PDB file of N, CA and C in Angstrom:
ATOM      1  N   MET A   1      -0.990  16.895  -1.771  1.00  0.00           N
ATOM      2  CA  MET A   1      -1.613  16.003  -3.152  1.00  0.00           C
ATOM      3  C   MET A   1      -0.886  14.424  -3.308  1.00  0.00           C
ATOM      4  N   LEU A   2      -1.292  13.513  -2.961  1.00  0.00           N
ATOM      5  CA  LEU A   2      -0.996  11.607  -2.933  1.00  0.00           C
ATOM      6  C   LEU A   2      -1.668  10.839  -4.445  1.00  0.00           C
ATOM      7  N   ASN A   3      -0.929  10.474  -4.798  1.00  0.00           N
ATOM      8  CA  ASN A   3      -0.872  10.215  -6.298  1.00  0.00           C
ATOM      9  C   ASN A   3      -1.349   8.690  -6.200  1.00  0.00           C
ATOM     10  N   ALA A   4      -1.009   8.178  -4.992  1.00  0.00           N
ATOM     11  CA  ALA A   4      -1.257   6.958  -5.352  1.00  0.00           C
ATOM     12  C   ALA A   4      -2.242   6.161  -4.017  1.00  0.00           C
ATOM     13  N   ASP A   5      -1.672   4.929  -4.967  1.00  0.00           N
ATOM     14  CA  ASP A   5      -3.210   4.459  -3.678  1.00  0.00           C
ATOM     15  C   ASP A   5      -2.530   3.858  -2.394  1.00  0.00           C
ATOM     16  N   PRO A   6      -3.281   3.981  -0.844  1.00  0.00           N
ATOM     17  CA  PRO A   6      -3.082   4.240   0.228  1.00  0.00           C
ATOM     18  C   PRO A   6      -3.280   2.098  -0.052  1.00  0.00           C
ATOM     19  N   GLN A   7      -3.757   1.957  -0.524  1.00  0.00           N
ATOM     20  CA  GLN A   7      -4.190   0.387  -0.172  1.00  0.00           C
ATOM     21  C   GLN A   7      -2.919  -1.021  -0.832  1.00  0.00           C
ATOM     22  N   GLU A   8      -2.588   0.508  -1.575  1.00  0.00           N
ATOM     23  CA  GLU A   8      -1.794  -0.275  -3.031  1.00  0.00           C
ATOM     24  C   GLU A   8      -0.037  -0.036  -2.178  1.00  0.00           C
ATOM     25  N   LEU A   9      -0.058   0.930  -1.669  1.00  0.00           N
ATOM     26  CA  LEU A   9       1.537   1.387  -0.741  1.00  0.00           C
ATOM     27  C   LEU A   9       1.537  -0.114   0.508  1.00  0.00           C
ATOM     28  N   ALA A  10       0.054   0.216   1.046  1.00  0.00           N
ATOM     29  CA  ALA A  10       0.335  -1.017   2.364  1.00  0.00           C
ATOM     30  C   ALA A  10      -0.137  -2.454   1.720  1.00  0.00           C
ATOM     31  N   LYS A  11      -0.090  -2.980   0.513  1.00  0.00           N
ATOM     32  CA  LYS A  11       0.138  -4.326   0.047  1.00  0.00           C
ATOM     33  C   LYS A  11       1.166  -4.288  -0.098  1.00  0.00           C
ATOM     34  N   PHE A  12       2.408  -2.966  -0.617  1.00  0.00           N
ATOM     35  CA  PHE A  12       3.583  -4.089  -1.748  1.00  0.00           C
ATOM     36  C   PHE A  12       3.824  -3.582  -0.618  1.00  0.00           C
ATOM     37  N   SER A  13       4.296  -3.230   0.680  1.00  0.00           N
ATOM     38  CA  SER A  13       5.205  -2.957   1.747  1.00  0.00           C
ATOM     39  C   SER A  13       4.551  -3.643   2.868  1.00  0.00           C
ATOM     40  N   ASP A  14       3.843  -4.480   2.448  1.00  0.00           N
ATOM     41  CA  ASP A  14       3.944  -5.632   3.449  1.00  0.00           C
ATOM     42  C   ASP A  14       4.753  -6.695   2.594  1.00  0.00           C
ATOM     43  N   LEU A  15       4.928  -6.781   1.166  1.00  0.00           N
ATOM     44  CA  LEU A  15       5.483  -7.781   0.800  1.00  0.00           C
ATOM     45  C   LEU A  15       6.823  -7.553   0.378  1.00  0.00           C
ATOM     46  N   ALA A  16       7.431  -5.967   1.063  1.00  0.00           N
ATOM     47  CA  ALA A  16       8.455  -6.018   0.869  1.00  0.00           C
ATOM     48  C   ALA A  16       9.668  -6.787   1.254  1.00  0.00           C
ATOM     49  N   HIS A  17      10.105  -7.345   2.266  1.00  0.00           N
ATOM     50  CA  HIS A  17      11.185  -7.925   3.407  1.00  0.00           C
ATOM     51  C   HIS A  17      10.773  -9.332   2.763  1.00  0.00           C
ATOM     52  N   ARG A  18       9.766  -9.523   1.254  1.00  0.00           N
ATOM     53  CA  ARG A  18       9.988 -10.932   0.489  1.00  0.00           C
ATOM     54  C   ARG A  18      10.619 -10.739  -0.695  1.00  0.00           C
ATOM     55  N   TRP A  19      10.431  -9.531  -1.018  1.00  0.00           N
ATOM     56  CA  TRP A  19      11.479  -9.169  -2.206  1.00  0.00           C
ATOM     57  C   TRP A  19      12.467  -9.864  -2.580  1.00  0.00           C
ATOM     58  N   TRP A  20      13.662 -10.416  -1.901  1.00  0.00           N
ATOM     59  CA  TRP A  20      15.197 -10.425  -1.640  1.00  0.00           C
ATOM     60  C   TRP A  20      14.863 -11.623  -1.282  1.00  0.00           C
ATOM     61  N   ASP A  21      14.651 -12.401  -0.555  1.00  0.00           N
ATOM     62  CA  ASP A  21      14.030 -13.445  -0.805  1.00  0.00           C
ATOM     63  C   ASP A  21      14.315 -15.259  -1.255  1.00  0.00           C
ATOM     64  N   PRO A  22      15.754 -15.346  -2.309  1.00  0.00           N
ATOM     65  CA  PRO A  22      15.428 -16.362  -2.981  1.00  0.00           C
ATOM     66  C   PRO A  22      14.557 -17.185  -3.195  1.00  0.00           C
ATOM     67  N   GLU A  23      14.042 -17.993  -1.910  1.00  0.00           N
ATOM     68  CA  GLU A  23      13.076 -19.255  -2.197  1.00  0.00           C
ATOM     69  C   GLU A  23      11.322 -18.564  -1.640  1.00  0.00           C
ATOM     70  N   SER A  24      11.511 -16.892  -1.668  1.00  0.00           N
ATOM     71  CA  SER A  24      10.540 -17.152  -1.652  1.00  0.00           C
ATOM     72  C   SER A  24       9.171 -16.859  -3.122  1.00  0.00           C
ATOM     73  N   GLU A  25       8.261 -16.481  -3.106  1.00  0.00           N
ATOM     74  CA  GLU A  25       7.587 -16.347  -4.101  1.00  0.00           C
ATOM     75  C   GLU A  25       8.038 -15.908  -5.546  1.00  0.00           C
ATOM     76  N   PHE A  26       8.833 -14.692  -4.606  1.00  0.00           N
ATOM     77  CA  PHE A  26      10.056 -13.676  -6.334  1.00  0.00           C
ATOM     78  C   PHE A  26      10.604 -14.774  -6.628  1.00  0.00           C
ATOM     79  N   ARG A  27      10.781 -16.189  -6.696  1.00  0.00           N
ATOM     80  CA  ARG A  27      12.652 -16.283  -6.476  1.00  0.00           C
ATOM     81  C   ARG A  27      12.558 -17.147  -8.392  1.00  0.00           C
ATOM     82  N   PRO A  28      11.318 -16.405  -8.911  1.00  0.00           N
ATOM     83  CA  PRO A  28      11.656 -16.665 -10.443  1.00  0.00           C
ATOM     84  C   PRO A  28      12.066 -15.090 -10.644  1.00  0.00           C
ATOM     85  N   LEU A  29      12.341 -14.307 -10.136  1.00  0.00           N
ATOM     86  CA  LEU A  29      12.908 -13.483 -10.237  1.00  0.00           C
ATOM     87  C   LEU A  29      14.522 -13.114 -10.369  1.00  0.00           C
ATOM     88  N   HIS A  30      14.431 -13.679  -9.736  1.00  0.00           N
ATOM     89  CA  HIS A  30      15.780 -14.231  -8.440  1.00  0.00           C
ATOM     90  C   HIS A  30      16.477 -14.171 -10.061  1.00  0.00           C
ATOM     91  N   GLN A  31      15.248 -16.045 -10.363  1.00  0.00           N
ATOM     92  CA  GLN A  31      16.157 -17.065 -11.091  1.00  0.00           C
ATOM     93  C   GLN A  31      17.186 -16.262 -12.791  1.00  0.00           C
ATOM     94  N   ILE A  32      15.762 -15.070 -13.617  1.00  0.00           N
ATOM     95  CA  ILE A  32      16.212 -15.469 -14.362  1.00  0.00           C
ATOM     96  C   ILE A  32      16.840 -12.964 -14.578  1.00  0.00           C
ATOM     97  N   ASN A  33      17.233 -12.975 -13.395  1.00  0.00           N
ATOM     98  CA  ASN A  33      18.438 -11.752 -13.091  1.00  0.00           C
ATOM     99  C   ASN A  33      19.274 -11.898 -13.785  1.00  0.00           C
ATOM    100  N   PRO A  34      20.328 -13.532 -13.938  1.00  0.00           N
ATOM    101  CA  PRO A  34      21.093 -13.390 -14.062  1.00  0.00           C
ATOM    102  C   PRO A  34      21.038 -13.394 -15.452  1.00  0.00           C
ATOM    103  N   LEU A  35      20.611 -13.976 -16.408  1.00  0.00           N
ATOM    104  CA  LEU A  35      20.164 -13.532 -18.135  1.00  0.00           C
ATOM    105  C   LEU A  35      20.221 -12.301 -17.952  1.00  0.00           C
ATOM    106  N   ARG A  36      19.265 -11.501 -17.473  1.00  0.00           N
ATOM    107  CA  ARG A  36      18.722 -10.219 -17.900  1.00  0.00           C
ATOM    108  C   ARG A  36      20.036  -9.139 -18.044  1.00  0.00           C
ATOM    109  N   LEU A  37      20.327  -9.700 -16.768  1.00  0.00           N
ATOM    110  CA  LEU A  37      21.916  -9.281 -16.608  1.00  0.00           C
ATOM    111  C   LEU A  37      23.227  -9.324 -17.948  1.00  0.00           C
ATOM    112  N   GLU A  38      22.598 -10.186 -18.404  1.00  0.00           N
ATOM    113  CA  GLU A  38      23.678 -10.486 -19.642  1.00  0.00           C
ATOM    114  C   GLU A  38      23.495  -9.811 -21.401  1.00  0.00           C
ATOM    115  N   TRP A  39      22.141  -9.413 -20.799  1.00  0.00           N
ATOM    116  CA  TRP A  39      21.714  -9.708 -22.321  1.00  0.00           C
ATOM    117  C   TRP A  39      21.999  -7.807 -22.351  1.00  0.00           C
ATOM    118  N   ILE A  40      21.733  -7.366 -20.808  1.00  0.00           N
ATOM    119  CA  ILE A  40      21.770  -5.669 -20.740  1.00  0.00           C
ATOM    120  C   ILE A  40      23.094  -5.948 -20.660  1.00  0.00           C
ATOM    121  N   ASN A  41      24.279  -6.301 -20.270  1.00  0.00           N
ATOM    122  CA  ASN A  41      25.820  -6.165 -20.771  1.00  0.00           C
ATOM    123  C   ASN A  41      26.084  -6.242 -22.038  1.00  0.00           C
ATOM    124  N   ALA A  42      25.687  -6.957 -22.740  1.00  0.00           N
ATOM    125  CA  ALA A  42      26.085  -7.171 -24.034  1.00  0.00           C
ATOM    126  C   ALA A  42      25.077  -5.748 -25.000  1.00  0.00           C
ATOM    127  N   LEU A  43      24.480  -5.415 -24.391  1.00  0.00           N
ATOM    128  CA  LEU A  43      24.214  -4.400 -25.676  1.00  0.00           C
ATOM    129  C   LEU A  43      25.062  -2.681 -24.979  1.00  0.00           C
ATOM    130  N   ALA A  44      24.436  -2.416 -23.643  1.00  0.00           N
ATOM    131  CA  ALA A  44      25.665  -1.310 -22.611  1.00  0.00           C
ATOM    132  C   ALA A  44      26.506  -1.538 -21.721  1.00  0.00           C
ATOM    133  N   PRO A  45      27.541  -2.284 -22.170  1.00  0.00           N
ATOM    134  CA  PRO A  45      28.458  -2.468 -20.839  1.00  0.00           C
ATOM    135  C   PRO A  45      28.104  -1.812 -20.431  1.00  0.00           C
ATOM    136  N   VAL A  46      28.146  -2.340 -18.230  1.00  0.00           N
ATOM    137  CA  VAL A  46      27.865  -1.474 -16.983  1.00  0.00           C
ATOM    138  C   VAL A  46      28.864  -1.285 -16.234  1.00  0.00           C
ATOM    139  N   ALA A  47      30.037  -2.485 -16.324  1.00  0.00           N
ATOM    140  CA  ALA A  47      31.601  -2.311 -15.855  1.00  0.00           C
ATOM    141  C   ALA A  47      31.465  -1.153 -15.249  1.00  0.00           C
ATOM    142  N   GLY A  48      32.467  -1.043 -14.084  1.00  0.00           N
ATOM    143  CA  GLY A  48      32.359   0.508 -13.656  1.00  0.00           C
ATOM    144  C   GLY A  48      31.362   1.286 -13.466  1.00  0.00           C
ATOM    145  N   GLN A  49      30.068   0.416 -13.607  1.00  0.00           N
ATOM    146  CA  GLN A  49      29.349   2.339 -13.883  1.00  0.00           C
ATOM    147  C   GLN A  49      27.836   1.669 -12.720  1.00  0.00           C
ATOM    148  N   GLN A  50      27.386   3.065 -12.218  1.00  0.00           N
ATOM    149  CA  GLN A  50      26.242   2.945 -11.290  1.00  0.00           C
ATOM    150  C   GLN A  50      24.365   2.781 -12.523  1.00  0.00           C
ATOM    151  N   VAL A  51      23.701   1.856 -12.464  1.00  0.00           N
ATOM    152  CA  VAL A  51      22.377   1.393 -13.496  1.00  0.00           C
ATOM    153  C   VAL A  51      22.070   1.728 -12.766  1.00  0.00           C
ATOM    154  N   LEU A  52      21.004   3.157 -12.446  1.00  0.00           N
ATOM    155  CA  LEU A  52      19.605   2.780 -11.833  1.00  0.00           C
ATOM    156  C   LEU A  52      18.810   2.380 -12.760  1.00  0.00           C
ATOM    157  N   ASP A  53      17.599   1.238 -12.112  1.00  0.00           N
ATOM    158  CA  ASP A  53      16.373   0.008 -12.936  1.00  0.00           C
ATOM    159  C   ASP A  53      15.464   1.197 -12.543  1.00  0.00           C
ATOM    160  N   VAL A  54      14.174   1.498 -13.207  1.00  0.00           N
ATOM    161  CA  VAL A  54      13.925   1.724 -13.075  1.00  0.00           C
ATOM    162  C   VAL A  54      12.183   1.138 -12.881  1.00  0.00           C
ATOM    163  N   GLY A  55      11.312   0.917 -12.434  1.00  0.00           N
ATOM    164  CA  GLY A  55      10.039  -0.857 -12.854  1.00  0.00           C
ATOM    165  C   GLY A  55      10.485  -1.563 -13.031  1.00  0.00           C
ATOM    166  N   CYS A  56      11.668  -1.530 -11.873  1.00  0.00           N
ATOM    167  CA  CYS A  56      11.625  -3.479 -12.205  1.00  0.00           C
ATOM    168  C   CYS A  56      11.025  -4.335 -11.340  1.00  0.00           C
ATOM    169  N   GLY A  57       9.859  -4.261 -10.958  1.00  0.00           N
ATOM    170  CA  GLY A  57       8.666  -4.920 -10.108  1.00  0.00           C
ATOM    171  C   GLY A  57       9.849  -5.037  -9.098  1.00  0.00           C
ATOM    172  N   GLY A  58      10.477  -6.375  -8.250  1.00  0.00           N
ATOM    173  CA  GLY A  58      11.088  -6.319  -7.103  1.00  0.00           C
ATOM    174  C   GLY A  58      12.186  -5.191  -7.034  1.00  0.00           C
ATOM    175  N   GLY A  59      12.712  -5.749  -7.692  1.00  0.00           N
ATOM    176  CA  GLY A  59      13.790  -4.176  -7.105  1.00  0.00           C
ATOM    177  C   GLY A  59      15.231  -4.611  -7.202  1.00  0.00           C
ATOM    178  N   ILE A  60      15.216  -6.422  -8.230  1.00  0.00           N
ATOM    179  CA  ILE A  60      17.118  -6.931  -8.249  1.00  0.00           C
ATOM    180  C   ILE A  60      17.407  -6.586  -9.671  1.00  0.00           C
TER     181      ILE A  60
END
């Protein structure tokens, strides 16, 4: 049983190649990521750790 809407999956699949382009419409995600990582690292240092960012939108 599939609990995801195939149209939604297709929509995001079509966008996938642009998530990682820092000049795309997702540029703001790339711009805020260093600040976000600073904040996370201040609360829980992650150096030398493996981190999984769940529910992060573009997965940056």
